[in-house]
Amino acid sequence: MYKIKFLKEAANELKKIDPIWQYRIKEKISQLANNPTQLKNRIKPLKGKYRKYLRLRIGNYRIIFQRKDKELIILIIRIAHRREVYQTKN
């Protein structure tokens, strides 16, 4: 079982999402912590300079995360709508 950690920005982004979607996202994060292979069809690696991160699709929302297998940690980097999640913040 993995431990979930959020970057401050990701936690703030989650708070801004509609409560119904927050519930669904939290359920998937819980599933991800308990058994990441269960969601393997929804997880894809990112490309380019972000290739160390993975993406989990939940409806129109995306969770960008990094899985650290040695420490059993999943670090949530970003949670946002699909049209916004890949844009870099300046």
C-alpha atoms as a PDB file:
ATOM      1  CA  MET A   1       0.000   0.000   0.000  1.00  0.00           C
ATOM      2  CA  TYR A   2       1.325   3.399  -1.018  1.00  0.00           C
ATOM      3  CA  LYS A   3       1.214   6.581   1.011  1.00  0.00           C
ATOM      4  CA  ILE A   4      -0.325   9.581  -0.776  1.00  0.00           C
ATOM      5  CA  LYS A   5       1.330  13.000  -0.579  1.00  0.00           C
ATOM      6  CA  PHE A   6       0.046  16.165  -2.227  1.00  0.00           C
ATOM      7  CA  LEU A   7       1.988  19.179  -3.378  1.00  0.00           C
ATOM      8  CA  LYS A   8       0.424  22.312  -1.898  1.00  0.00           C
ATOM      9  CA  GLU A   9      -0.724  23.444  -5.366  1.00  0.00           C
ATOM     10  CA  ALA A  10      -2.431  20.101  -6.058  1.00  0.00           C
ATOM     11  CA  ALA A  11      -4.304  20.220  -2.747  1.00  0.00           C
ATOM     12  CA  ASN A  12      -5.492  23.748  -3.545  1.00  0.00           C
ATOM     13  CA  GLU A  13      -6.588  22.700  -7.038  1.00  0.00           C
ATOM     14  CA  LEU A  14      -8.621  19.829  -5.583  1.00  0.00           C
ATOM     15  CA  LYS A  15     -10.457  22.207  -3.247  1.00  0.00           C
ATOM     16  CA  LYS A  16     -11.580  24.328  -6.225  1.00  0.00           C
ATOM     17  CA  ILE A  17     -13.216  21.395  -8.044  1.00  0.00           C
ATOM     18  CA  ASP A  18     -16.961  20.677  -7.821  1.00  0.00           C
ATOM     19  CA  PRO A  19     -17.698  18.537  -4.703  1.00  0.00           C
ATOM     20  CA  ILE A  20     -19.132  15.650  -6.729  1.00  0.00           C
ATOM     21  CA  TRP A  21     -15.926  15.396  -8.750  1.00  0.00           C
ATOM     22  CA  GLN A  22     -13.836  15.867  -5.608  1.00  0.00           C
ATOM     23  CA  TYR A  23     -15.470  12.743  -4.181  1.00  0.00           C
ATOM     24  CA  ARG A  24     -14.790  10.736  -7.365  1.00  0.00           C
ATOM     25  CA  ILE A  25     -11.195  11.939  -7.538  1.00  0.00           C
ATOM     26  CA  LYS A  26     -10.587  11.075  -3.883  1.00  0.00           C
ATOM     27  CA  GLU A  27     -12.009   7.577  -4.473  1.00  0.00           C
ATOM     28  CA  LYS A  28      -9.608   7.006  -7.382  1.00  0.00           C
ATOM     29  CA  ILE A  29      -6.671   8.337  -5.364  1.00  0.00           C
ATOM     30  CA  SER A  30      -7.587   5.876  -2.614  1.00  0.00           C
ATOM     31  CA  GLN A  31      -7.719   3.034  -5.156  1.00  0.00           C
ATOM     32  CA  LEU A  32      -4.369   4.189  -6.517  1.00  0.00           C
ATOM     33  CA  ALA A  33      -2.840   4.008  -3.031  1.00  0.00           C
ATOM     34  CA  ASN A  34      -4.259   0.553  -2.307  1.00  0.00           C
ATOM     35  CA  ASN A  35      -3.567  -1.107  -5.656  1.00  0.00           C
ATOM     36  CA  PRO A  36      -2.051   0.937  -8.512  1.00  0.00           C
ATOM     37  CA  THR A  37      -2.312  -1.980 -10.952  1.00  0.00           C
ATOM     38  CA  GLN A  38      -6.106  -1.919 -10.607  1.00  0.00           C
ATOM     39  CA  LEU A  39      -6.177   1.391 -12.528  1.00  0.00           C
ATOM     40  CA  LYS A  40      -3.541   0.461 -15.125  1.00  0.00           C
ATOM     41  CA  ASN A  41      -5.906   1.149 -18.044  1.00  0.00           C
ATOM     42  CA  ARG A  42      -6.443   4.729 -16.854  1.00  0.00           C
ATOM     43  CA  ILE A  43      -2.768   5.498 -16.183  1.00  0.00           C
ATOM     44  CA  LYS A  44      -0.357   6.622 -18.892  1.00  0.00           C
ATOM     45  CA  PRO A  45       3.161   8.022 -18.740  1.00  0.00           C
ATOM     46  CA  LEU A  46       3.708  11.596 -19.876  1.00  0.00           C
ATOM     47  CA  LYS A  47       6.166  12.373 -22.653  1.00  0.00           C
ATOM     48  CA  GLY A  48       8.986  14.837 -23.176  1.00  0.00           C
ATOM     49  CA  LYS A  49      10.511  16.629 -20.230  1.00  0.00           C
ATOM     50  CA  TYR A  50       7.681  15.363 -17.983  1.00  0.00           C
ATOM     51  CA  ARG A  51       8.299  11.665 -18.682  1.00  0.00           C
ATOM     52  CA  LYS A  52       9.008  10.936 -15.018  1.00  0.00           C
ATOM     53  CA  TYR A  53       5.330  11.660 -14.259  1.00  0.00           C
ATOM     54  CA  LEU A  54       2.194   9.619 -14.820  1.00  0.00           C
ATOM     55  CA  ARG A  55      -1.339  10.721 -15.615  1.00  0.00           C
ATOM     56  CA  LEU A  56      -4.561   9.240 -14.222  1.00  0.00           C
ATOM     57  CA  ARG A  57      -7.773  10.009 -16.113  1.00  0.00           C
ATOM     58  CA  ILE A  58     -11.011  10.529 -14.182  1.00  0.00           C
ATOM     59  CA  GLY A  59     -13.713  11.755 -16.545  1.00  0.00           C
ATOM     60  CA  ASN A  60     -12.612  15.172 -17.797  1.00  0.00           C
ATOM     61  CA  TYR A  61     -10.118  15.569 -14.957  1.00  0.00           C
ATOM     62  CA  ARG A  62      -6.507  14.470 -14.846  1.00  0.00           C
ATOM     63  CA  ILE A  63      -4.217  13.729 -11.943  1.00  0.00           C
ATOM     64  CA  ILE A  64      -0.525  14.157 -12.627  1.00  0.00           C
ATOM     65  CA  PHE A  65       1.542  12.138 -10.173  1.00  0.00           C
ATOM     66  CA  GLN A  66       4.873  10.510  -9.544  1.00  0.00           C
ATOM     67  CA  ARG A  67       5.137   7.005  -8.133  1.00  0.00           C
ATOM     68  CA  LYS A  68       8.154   6.311  -5.948  1.00  0.00           C
ATOM     69  CA  ASP A  69       8.226   2.530  -5.591  1.00  0.00           C
ATOM     70  CA  LYS A  70      11.200   2.344  -3.235  1.00  0.00           C
ATOM     71  CA  GLU A  71       9.537   4.581  -0.631  1.00  0.00           C
ATOM     72  CA  LEU A  72       5.971   3.422  -1.466  1.00  0.00           C
ATOM     73  CA  ILE A  73       4.877   7.025  -2.027  1.00  0.00           C
ATOM     74  CA  ILE A  74       2.590   8.514  -4.639  1.00  0.00           C
ATOM     75  CA  LEU A  75       3.208  12.239  -4.979  1.00  0.00           C
ATOM     76  CA  ILE A  76       0.257  14.131  -6.461  1.00  0.00           C
ATOM     77  CA  ILE A  77       1.670  16.965  -8.578  1.00  0.00           C
ATOM     78  CA  ARG A  78      -1.416  18.450 -10.221  1.00  0.00           C
ATOM     79  CA  ILE A  79      -5.205  17.936 -10.387  1.00  0.00           C
ATOM     80  CA  ALA A  80      -7.115  19.867 -13.035  1.00  0.00           C
ATOM     81  CA  HIS A  81      -9.527  19.726 -15.954  1.00  0.00           C
ATOM     82  CA  ARG A  82      -8.030  18.143 -19.060  1.00  0.00           C
ATOM     83  CA  ARG A  83      -7.883  21.435 -20.954  1.00  0.00           C
ATOM     84  CA  GLU A  84      -5.809  23.062 -18.181  1.00  0.00           C
ATOM     85  CA  VAL A  85      -3.736  20.314 -16.613  1.00  0.00           C
ATOM     86  CA  TYR A  86      -0.907  20.241 -19.179  1.00  0.00           C
ATOM     87  CA  GLN A  87      -0.395  24.005 -19.239  1.00  0.00           C
ATOM     88  CA  THR A  88       2.562  25.186 -17.219  1.00  0.00           C
ATOM     89  CA  LYS A  89       1.995  27.815 -14.565  1.00  0.00           C
ATOM     90  CA  ASN A  90       4.107  30.946 -14.728  1.00  0.00           C
END
